[in-house]
Amino acid sequence: MNIEGKVALVTGGSRGIGAAVAARLARNGADIAVTYQNNADDVVERVKGLGRRVVAIRADSADAAAVTAAVDEAVGTLRRLDILVNNAGAYIIGPVEELGVEEFDRTFDVNVRAPFLAVKAALPHLGDGGRIISIGSNVAERAVFPGFSLYSASKAALVGLTKALARELGPRGITVNLVRPGATDTDLNPADGPYSDVIRGFTALGRYAEADEVAALVAFLASGEARYITGTQLAVDGGFTS
């Protein structure tokens, strides 16, 4: 899965799955740009330690202009773009009666509009062999707890976006795919959290994923080995939706 000399932009790449993806792509030979909101020092040091170039760009994915500017800055600094990973996400849950327009707008601005705008900004730079990979969620298919109406709907929208973009961009040699993680052990969703026993019970393997296990699939889709895979959604959820 060598991607030596490629450049990847990972949105929301400062922690959790995003940081694991950035490090895995760097280990496979790519230079890395990440967007972040608070601090990206850890992932920057990880990528540098792997001998790759890295740039961290502060950007709120709810800000349309910031999304486009981040792509432009990544290309301007690293001089090309081959792989776009739409990872940044807004996780807003609660009873539908308590969710308003503000929560709706932020969820869809970050989870749907931002990937669309990032793709639009990236396309002038992606050539034959370009890769677009978005991070969805298993709850787009199976929402087992109440309160996921907004989040599930936004992640389901990525399925349609992925399929339509794959059809549109296929003639240009660009693949577009969706990775659907299940419960993954991160600081936002720790494997020892208050509902972790219940969540593990829904998976066939009976455990949370490690962020690196999600990153491994992203790295495969970013590589030449996956050149004939496009328009699909691939689950890394331990059998949650089986």
C-alpha atoms as a PDB file:
ATOM      1  CA  MET A   1       0.000   0.000   0.000  1.00  0.00           C
ATOM      2  CA  ASN A   2       2.883   2.324  -0.811  1.00  0.00           C
ATOM      3  CA  ILE A   3       1.833   5.915  -1.535  1.00  0.00           C
ATOM      4  CA  GLU A   4       5.346   7.336  -1.611  1.00  0.00           C
ATOM      5  CA  GLY A   5       5.430  10.929  -2.814  1.00  0.00           C
ATOM      6  CA  LYS A   6       1.676  11.492  -2.559  1.00  0.00           C
ATOM      7  CA  VAL A   7       0.090  14.330  -0.586  1.00  0.00           C
ATOM      8  CA  ALA A   8      -2.964  13.765   1.618  1.00  0.00           C
ATOM      9  CA  LEU A   9      -5.261  16.240   3.338  1.00  0.00           C
ATOM     10  CA  VAL A  10      -7.089  14.866   6.390  1.00  0.00           C
ATOM     11  CA  THR A  11      -9.762  17.137   7.807  1.00  0.00           C
ATOM     12  CA  GLY A  12     -10.185  16.975  11.566  1.00  0.00           C
ATOM     13  CA  GLY A  13      -6.837  15.246  11.691  1.00  0.00           C
ATOM     14  CA  SER A  14      -5.591  16.331  15.104  1.00  0.00           C
ATOM     15  CA  ARG A  15      -6.968  13.464  17.204  1.00  0.00           C
ATOM     16  CA  GLY A  16      -8.876  10.199  17.208  1.00  0.00           C
ATOM     17  CA  ILE A  17      -9.510   8.533  13.877  1.00  0.00           C
ATOM     18  CA  GLY A  18      -8.224  11.555  11.948  1.00  0.00           C
ATOM     19  CA  ALA A  19      -4.853  11.501  13.693  1.00  0.00           C
ATOM     20  CA  ALA A  20      -4.562   7.747  13.179  1.00  0.00           C
ATOM     21  CA  VAL A  21      -5.318   8.171   9.461  1.00  0.00           C
ATOM     22  CA  ALA A  22      -2.746  10.955   9.104  1.00  0.00           C
ATOM     23  CA  ALA A  23      -0.059   8.852  10.799  1.00  0.00           C
ATOM     24  CA  ARG A  24      -0.895   5.731   8.773  1.00  0.00           C
ATOM     25  CA  LEU A  25      -0.774   7.594   5.454  1.00  0.00           C
ATOM     26  CA  ALA A  26       2.535   9.155   6.472  1.00  0.00           C
ATOM     27  CA  ARG A  27       3.915   5.732   7.374  1.00  0.00           C
ATOM     28  CA  ASN A  28       2.943   4.571   3.884  1.00  0.00           C
ATOM     29  CA  GLY A  29       4.885   7.409   2.297  1.00  0.00           C
ATOM     30  CA  ALA A  30       2.575  10.424   1.991  1.00  0.00           C
ATOM     31  CA  ASP A  31       3.163  14.008   3.049  1.00  0.00           C
ATOM     32  CA  ILE A  32       0.301  15.221   5.195  1.00  0.00           C
ATOM     33  CA  ALA A  33      -1.885  18.261   5.716  1.00  0.00           C
ATOM     34  CA  VAL A  34      -4.395  18.224   8.574  1.00  0.00           C
ATOM     35  CA  THR A  35      -7.060  20.659   9.645  1.00  0.00           C
ATOM     36  CA  TYR A  36      -7.750  21.211  13.313  1.00  0.00           C
ATOM     37  CA  GLN A  37      -9.586  23.514  15.702  1.00  0.00           C
ATOM     38  CA  ASN A  38      -7.612  23.484  18.948  1.00  0.00           C
ATOM     39  CA  ASN A  39      -4.198  21.840  18.846  1.00  0.00           C
ATOM     40  CA  ALA A  40      -2.408  19.619  16.326  1.00  0.00           C
ATOM     41  CA  ASP A  41       1.023  19.392  17.951  1.00  0.00           C
ATOM     42  CA  ASP A  42       0.823  15.652  18.649  1.00  0.00           C
ATOM     43  CA  VAL A  43      -0.051  14.584  15.122  1.00  0.00           C
ATOM     44  CA  VAL A  44       2.477  17.002  13.636  1.00  0.00           C
ATOM     45  CA  GLU A  45       5.232  15.427  15.728  1.00  0.00           C
ATOM     46  CA  ARG A  46       4.074  11.913  14.798  1.00  0.00           C
ATOM     47  CA  VAL A  47       4.201  12.690  11.084  1.00  0.00           C
ATOM     48  CA  LYS A  48       7.569  14.441  11.362  1.00  0.00           C
ATOM     49  CA  GLY A  49       8.891  11.443  13.260  1.00  0.00           C
ATOM     50  CA  LEU A  50       7.983   9.295  10.267  1.00  0.00           C
ATOM     51  CA  GLY A  51      10.131  11.481   8.049  1.00  0.00           C
ATOM     52  CA  ARG A  52       7.310  13.121   6.124  1.00  0.00           C
ATOM     53  CA  ARG A  53       6.432  16.756   5.537  1.00  0.00           C
ATOM     54  CA  VAL A  54       3.387  18.029   7.420  1.00  0.00           C
ATOM     55  CA  VAL A  55       1.315  21.191   7.653  1.00  0.00           C
ATOM     56  CA  ALA A  56      -1.413  21.879  10.229  1.00  0.00           C
ATOM     57  CA  ILE A  57      -4.172  24.288   9.236  1.00  0.00           C
ATOM     58  CA  ARG A  58      -6.598  25.742  11.766  1.00  0.00           C
ATOM     59  CA  ALA A  59     -10.070  25.591  10.224  1.00  0.00           C
ATOM     60  CA  ASP A  60     -13.641  25.177  11.442  1.00  0.00           C
ATOM     61  CA  SER A  61     -15.424  22.871   9.013  1.00  0.00           C
ATOM     62  CA  ALA A  62     -18.678  24.708   9.732  1.00  0.00           C
ATOM     63  CA  ASP A  63     -17.140  27.745   7.996  1.00  0.00           C
ATOM     64  CA  ALA A  64     -17.532  27.300   4.233  1.00  0.00           C
ATOM     65  CA  ALA A  65     -14.769  29.748   3.392  1.00  0.00           C
ATOM     66  CA  ALA A  66     -12.389  28.069   5.834  1.00  0.00           C
ATOM     67  CA  VAL A  67     -12.909  24.671   4.198  1.00  0.00           C
ATOM     68  CA  THR A  68     -11.974  25.974   0.771  1.00  0.00           C
ATOM     69  CA  ALA A  69      -9.065  28.001   2.145  1.00  0.00           C
ATOM     70  CA  ALA A  70      -7.696  24.929   3.934  1.00  0.00           C
ATOM     71  CA  VAL A  71      -7.541  22.966   0.685  1.00  0.00           C
ATOM     72  CA  ASP A  72      -5.839  25.890  -1.042  1.00  0.00           C
ATOM     73  CA  GLU A  73      -3.303  26.239   1.778  1.00  0.00           C
ATOM     74  CA  ALA A  74      -2.522  22.513   1.758  1.00  0.00           C
ATOM     75  CA  VAL A  75      -1.840  22.618  -1.979  1.00  0.00           C
ATOM     76  CA  GLY A  76       0.104  25.867  -1.727  1.00  0.00           C
ATOM     77  CA  THR A  77       2.384  24.485   0.981  1.00  0.00           C
ATOM     78  CA  LEU A  78       2.868  20.899  -0.195  1.00  0.00           C
ATOM     79  CA  ARG A  79       2.599  21.739  -3.915  1.00  0.00           C
ATOM     80  CA  ARG A  80       0.086  19.032  -4.867  1.00  0.00           C
ATOM     81  CA  LEU A  81      -2.884  17.011  -3.622  1.00  0.00           C
ATOM     82  CA  ASP A  82      -3.588  13.352  -4.314  1.00  0.00           C
ATOM     83  CA  ILE A  83      -5.747  12.127  -1.423  1.00  0.00           C
ATOM     84  CA  LEU A  84      -8.604  13.893   0.375  1.00  0.00           C
ATOM     85  CA  VAL A  85      -9.933  12.358   3.581  1.00  0.00           C
ATOM     86  CA  ASN A  86     -13.120  14.005   4.830  1.00  0.00           C
ATOM     87  CA  ASN A  87     -12.928  13.093   8.498  1.00  0.00           C
ATOM     88  CA  ALA A  88     -14.017  16.187  10.454  1.00  0.00           C
ATOM     89  CA  GLY A  89     -17.424  15.685  12.020  1.00  0.00           C
ATOM     90  CA  ALA A  90     -20.018  17.258  14.283  1.00  0.00           C
ATOM     91  CA  TYR A  91     -21.515  14.859  16.816  1.00  0.00           C
ATOM     92  CA  ILE A  92     -24.707  16.432  18.119  1.00  0.00           C
ATOM     93  CA  ILE A  93     -27.260  14.081  19.646  1.00  0.00           C
ATOM     94  CA  GLY A  94     -30.389  14.469  21.718  1.00  0.00           C
ATOM     95  CA  PRO A  95     -34.181  14.095  21.626  1.00  0.00           C
ATOM     96  CA  VAL A  96     -35.651  15.546  18.463  1.00  0.00           C
ATOM     97  CA  GLU A  97     -37.788  17.910  20.554  1.00  0.00           C
ATOM     98  CA  GLU A  98     -34.605  19.509  21.898  1.00  0.00           C
ATOM     99  CA  LEU A  99     -32.797  19.879  18.563  1.00  0.00           C
ATOM    100  CA  GLY A 100     -33.289  23.156  16.743  1.00  0.00           C
ATOM    101  CA  VAL A 101     -32.215  24.888  13.581  1.00  0.00           C
ATOM    102  CA  GLU A 102     -28.815  25.800  15.043  1.00  0.00           C
ATOM    103  CA  GLU A 103     -27.997  22.168  15.799  1.00  0.00           C
ATOM    104  CA  PHE A 104     -29.328  21.062  12.418  1.00  0.00           C
ATOM    105  CA  ASP A 105     -27.272  23.635  10.538  1.00  0.00           C
ATOM    106  CA  ARG A 106     -24.014  22.869  12.334  1.00  0.00           C
ATOM    107  CA  THR A 107     -24.435  19.111  11.913  1.00  0.00           C
ATOM    108  CA  PHE A 108     -25.093  19.320   8.192  1.00  0.00           C
ATOM    109  CA  ASP A 109     -22.590  22.141   7.623  1.00  0.00           C
ATOM    110  CA  VAL A 110     -19.768  20.045   9.075  1.00  0.00           C
ATOM    111  CA  ASN A 111     -20.831  16.532   8.107  1.00  0.00           C
ATOM    112  CA  VAL A 112     -22.214  17.140   4.607  1.00  0.00           C
ATOM    113  CA  ARG A 113     -21.490  20.632   3.268  1.00  0.00           C
ATOM    114  CA  ALA A 114     -17.822  20.600   4.290  1.00  0.00           C
ATOM    115  CA  PRO A 115     -17.014  17.341   2.437  1.00  0.00           C
ATOM    116  CA  PHE A 116     -18.844  18.665  -0.632  1.00  0.00           C
ATOM    117  CA  LEU A 117     -16.896  21.930  -0.564  1.00  0.00           C
ATOM    118  CA  ALA A 118     -13.591  20.183   0.130  1.00  0.00           C
ATOM    119  CA  VAL A 119     -14.129  17.940  -2.893  1.00  0.00           C
ATOM    120  CA  LYS A 120     -15.044  20.945  -5.028  1.00  0.00           C
ATOM    121  CA  ALA A 121     -11.863  22.771  -3.972  1.00  0.00           C
ATOM    122  CA  ALA A 122      -9.693  19.670  -4.357  1.00  0.00           C
ATOM    123  CA  LEU A 123     -10.821  18.664  -7.847  1.00  0.00           C
ATOM    124  CA  PRO A 124      -8.621  21.112  -9.791  1.00  0.00           C
ATOM    125  CA  HIS A 125      -5.612  19.425  -8.139  1.00  0.00           C
ATOM    126  CA  LEU A 126      -6.635  15.752  -8.207  1.00  0.00           C
ATOM    127  CA  GLY A 127      -5.494  13.886 -11.266  1.00  0.00           C
ATOM    128  CA  ASP A 128      -5.810  10.325 -12.520  1.00  0.00           C
ATOM    129  CA  GLY A 129      -5.403   8.105  -9.462  1.00  0.00           C
ATOM    130  CA  GLY A 130      -6.831  10.713  -7.089  1.00  0.00           C
ATOM    131  CA  ARG A 131      -8.588   9.436  -4.005  1.00  0.00           C
ATOM    132  CA  ILE A 132     -11.543  10.873  -2.074  1.00  0.00           C
ATOM    133  CA  ILE A 133     -12.421   9.037   1.126  1.00  0.00           C
ATOM    134  CA  SER A 134     -15.067  10.173   3.592  1.00  0.00           C
ATOM    135  CA  ILE A 135     -15.597   8.921   7.134  1.00  0.00           C
ATOM    136  CA  GLY A 136     -19.221   8.028   7.755  1.00  0.00           C
ATOM    137  CA  SER A 137     -20.783   6.082  10.615  1.00  0.00           C
ATOM    138  CA  ASN A 138     -22.483   2.768  11.256  1.00  0.00           C
ATOM    139  CA  VAL A 139     -25.481   4.631  12.693  1.00  0.00           C
ATOM    140  CA  ALA A 140     -26.378   5.769   9.177  1.00  0.00           C
ATOM    141  CA  GLU A 141     -27.682   2.229   8.734  1.00  0.00           C
ATOM    142  CA  ARG A 142     -28.561   1.166  12.253  1.00  0.00           C
ATOM    143  CA  ALA A 143     -29.406   3.679  14.983  1.00  0.00           C
ATOM    144  CA  VAL A 144     -29.951   1.510  18.050  1.00  0.00           C
ATOM    145  CA  PHE A 145     -30.232   4.336  20.569  1.00  0.00           C
ATOM    146  CA  PRO A 146     -32.654   7.284  20.624  1.00  0.00           C
ATOM    147  CA  GLY A 147     -31.331  10.778  19.970  1.00  0.00           C
ATOM    148  CA  PHE A 148     -29.388  10.124  16.762  1.00  0.00           C
ATOM    149  CA  SER A 149     -31.799  11.665  14.260  1.00  0.00           C
ATOM    150  CA  LEU A 150     -29.546  14.518  13.098  1.00  0.00           C
ATOM    151  CA  TYR A 151     -26.268  12.655  13.222  1.00  0.00           C
ATOM    152  CA  SER A 152     -27.641   9.569  11.458  1.00  0.00           C
ATOM    153  CA  ALA A 153     -29.291  11.654   8.760  1.00  0.00           C
ATOM    154  CA  SER A 154     -26.105  13.602   8.068  1.00  0.00           C
ATOM    155  CA  LYS A 155     -24.013  10.456   7.785  1.00  0.00           C
ATOM    156  CA  ALA A 156     -26.631   8.841   5.547  1.00  0.00           C
ATOM    157  CA  ALA A 157     -26.337  11.843   3.230  1.00  0.00           C
ATOM    158  CA  LEU A 158     -22.677  10.948   2.704  1.00  0.00           C
ATOM    159  CA  VAL A 159     -23.744   7.657   1.150  1.00  0.00           C
ATOM    160  CA  GLY A 160     -25.578   9.445  -1.658  1.00  0.00           C
ATOM    161  CA  LEU A 161     -22.786  11.979  -2.062  1.00  0.00           C
ATOM    162  CA  THR A 162     -20.201   9.204  -2.333  1.00  0.00           C
ATOM    163  CA  LYS A 163     -22.123   7.223  -4.937  1.00  0.00           C
ATOM    164  CA  ALA A 164     -22.940  10.245  -7.089  1.00  0.00           C
ATOM    165  CA  LEU A 165     -19.394  11.603  -6.978  1.00  0.00           C
ATOM    166  CA  ALA A 166     -17.979   8.183  -7.856  1.00  0.00           C
ATOM    167  CA  ARG A 167     -20.128   8.086 -10.980  1.00  0.00           C
ATOM    168  CA  GLU A 168     -19.214  11.671 -11.916  1.00  0.00           C
ATOM    169  CA  LEU A 169     -15.483  11.420 -11.269  1.00  0.00           C
ATOM    170  CA  GLY A 170     -14.834   7.880 -12.456  1.00  0.00           C
ATOM    171  CA  PRO A 171     -14.033   8.967 -16.026  1.00  0.00           C
ATOM    172  CA  ARG A 172     -11.281  11.157 -14.557  1.00  0.00           C
ATOM    173  CA  GLY A 173      -9.655   8.206 -12.782  1.00  0.00           C
ATOM    174  CA  ILE A 174     -10.664   9.451  -9.332  1.00  0.00           C
ATOM    175  CA  THR A 175     -12.171   6.996  -6.853  1.00  0.00           C
ATOM    176  CA  VAL A 176     -14.641   8.028  -4.159  1.00  0.00           C
ATOM    177  CA  ASN A 177     -15.426   5.795  -1.199  1.00  0.00           C
ATOM    178  CA  LEU A 178     -16.987   5.907   2.263  1.00  0.00           C
ATOM    179  CA  VAL A 179     -15.575   4.242   5.374  1.00  0.00           C
ATOM    180  CA  ARG A 180     -18.177   3.506   8.057  1.00  0.00           C
ATOM    181  CA  PRO A 181     -16.616   3.003  11.492  1.00  0.00           C
ATOM    182  CA  GLY A 182     -18.510   1.560  14.390  1.00  0.00           C
ATOM    183  CA  ALA A 183     -17.678   2.276  18.008  1.00  0.00           C
ATOM    184  CA  THR A 184     -14.007   3.263  18.032  1.00  0.00           C
ATOM    185  CA  ASP A 185     -11.880   3.814  21.123  1.00  0.00           C
ATOM    186  CA  THR A 186     -11.071   7.544  21.098  1.00  0.00           C
ATOM    187  CA  ASP A 187     -11.122  10.334  23.646  1.00  0.00           C
ATOM    188  CA  LEU A 188     -14.644  11.238  22.490  1.00  0.00           C
ATOM    189  CA  ASN A 189     -15.934   7.659  22.713  1.00  0.00           C
ATOM    190  CA  PRO A 190     -13.703   5.690  25.093  1.00  0.00           C
ATOM    191  CA  ALA A 191     -13.991   1.930  25.270  1.00  0.00           C
ATOM    192  CA  ASP A 192     -14.497   2.247  29.035  1.00  0.00           C
ATOM    193  CA  GLY A 193     -17.253   4.860  28.764  1.00  0.00           C
ATOM    194  CA  PRO A 194     -20.604   4.700  30.601  1.00  0.00           C
ATOM    195  CA  TYR A 195     -22.435   2.840  27.799  1.00  0.00           C
ATOM    196  CA  SER A 196     -19.503   0.821  26.491  1.00  0.00           C
ATOM    197  CA  ASP A 197     -20.744  -2.542  27.752  1.00  0.00           C
ATOM    198  CA  VAL A 198     -24.061  -2.083  25.957  1.00  0.00           C
ATOM    199  CA  ILE A 199     -22.360  -0.928  22.757  1.00  0.00           C
ATOM    200  CA  ARG A 200     -19.961  -3.870  22.778  1.00  0.00           C
ATOM    201  CA  GLY A 201     -22.980  -6.146  23.087  1.00  0.00           C
ATOM    202  CA  PHE A 202     -24.251  -4.937  19.717  1.00  0.00           C
ATOM    203  CA  THR A 203     -21.065  -5.953  17.890  1.00  0.00           C
ATOM    204  CA  ALA A 204     -20.324  -9.452  16.636  1.00  0.00           C
ATOM    205  CA  LEU A 205     -16.720  -9.200  17.853  1.00  0.00           C
ATOM    206  CA  GLY A 206     -17.702  -7.849  21.254  1.00  0.00           C
ATOM    207  CA  ARG A 207     -15.230  -4.966  21.368  1.00  0.00           C
ATOM    208  CA  TYR A 208     -14.505  -1.446  20.198  1.00  0.00           C
ATOM    209  CA  ALA A 209     -12.306  -0.807  17.187  1.00  0.00           C
ATOM    210  CA  GLU A 210      -8.901   0.763  17.556  1.00  0.00           C
ATOM    211  CA  ALA A 211      -8.438   3.945  15.543  1.00  0.00           C
ATOM    212  CA  ASP A 212      -5.572   2.282  13.666  1.00  0.00           C
ATOM    213  CA  GLU A 213      -7.954  -0.404  12.402  1.00  0.00           C
ATOM    214  CA  VAL A 214     -10.077   2.259  10.737  1.00  0.00           C
ATOM    215  CA  ALA A 215      -6.946   3.985   9.433  1.00  0.00           C
ATOM    216  CA  ALA A 216      -5.771   0.736   7.834  1.00  0.00           C
ATOM    217  CA  LEU A 217      -8.847   0.627   5.604  1.00  0.00           C
ATOM    218  CA  VAL A 218      -8.436   4.280   4.653  1.00  0.00           C
ATOM    219  CA  ALA A 219      -4.802   3.589   3.748  1.00  0.00           C
ATOM    220  CA  PHE A 220      -5.842   0.681   1.546  1.00  0.00           C
ATOM    221  CA  LEU A 221      -8.439   2.786  -0.276  1.00  0.00           C
ATOM    222  CA  ALA A 222      -5.828   5.519  -0.766  1.00  0.00           C
ATOM    223  CA  SER A 223      -3.418   3.102  -2.412  1.00  0.00           C
ATOM    224  CA  GLY A 224      -3.085   1.748  -5.910  1.00  0.00           C
ATOM    225  CA  GLU A 225      -4.292  -1.623  -4.658  1.00  0.00           C
ATOM    226  CA  ALA A 226      -7.816  -0.152  -4.444  1.00  0.00           C
ATOM    227  CA  ARG A 227      -7.854   1.402  -7.905  1.00  0.00           C
ATOM    228  CA  TYR A 228     -10.964  -0.550  -8.977  1.00  0.00           C
ATOM    229  CA  ILE A 229     -12.984   0.183  -5.822  1.00  0.00           C
ATOM    230  CA  THR A 230     -15.265   3.216  -6.013  1.00  0.00           C
ATOM    231  CA  GLY A 231     -18.757   4.317  -5.034  1.00  0.00           C
ATOM    232  CA  THR A 232     -18.896   1.912  -2.139  1.00  0.00           C
ATOM    233  CA  GLN A 233     -19.304   2.071   1.626  1.00  0.00           C
ATOM    234  CA  LEU A 234     -17.126  -0.209   3.704  1.00  0.00           C
ATOM    235  CA  ALA A 235     -17.868  -0.920   7.362  1.00  0.00           C
ATOM    236  CA  VAL A 236     -15.257  -1.229  10.094  1.00  0.00           C
ATOM    237  CA  ASP A 237     -17.739  -1.931  12.864  1.00  0.00           C
ATOM    238  CA  GLY A 238     -17.008  -5.370  14.277  1.00  0.00           C
ATOM    239  CA  GLY A 239     -20.256  -6.730  12.841  1.00  0.00           C
ATOM    240  CA  PHE A 240     -22.475  -4.026  14.364  1.00  0.00           C
ATOM    241  CA  THR A 241     -24.684  -3.901  11.268  1.00  0.00           C
ATOM    242  CA  SER A 242     -24.570  -7.621  10.482  1.00  0.00           C
END
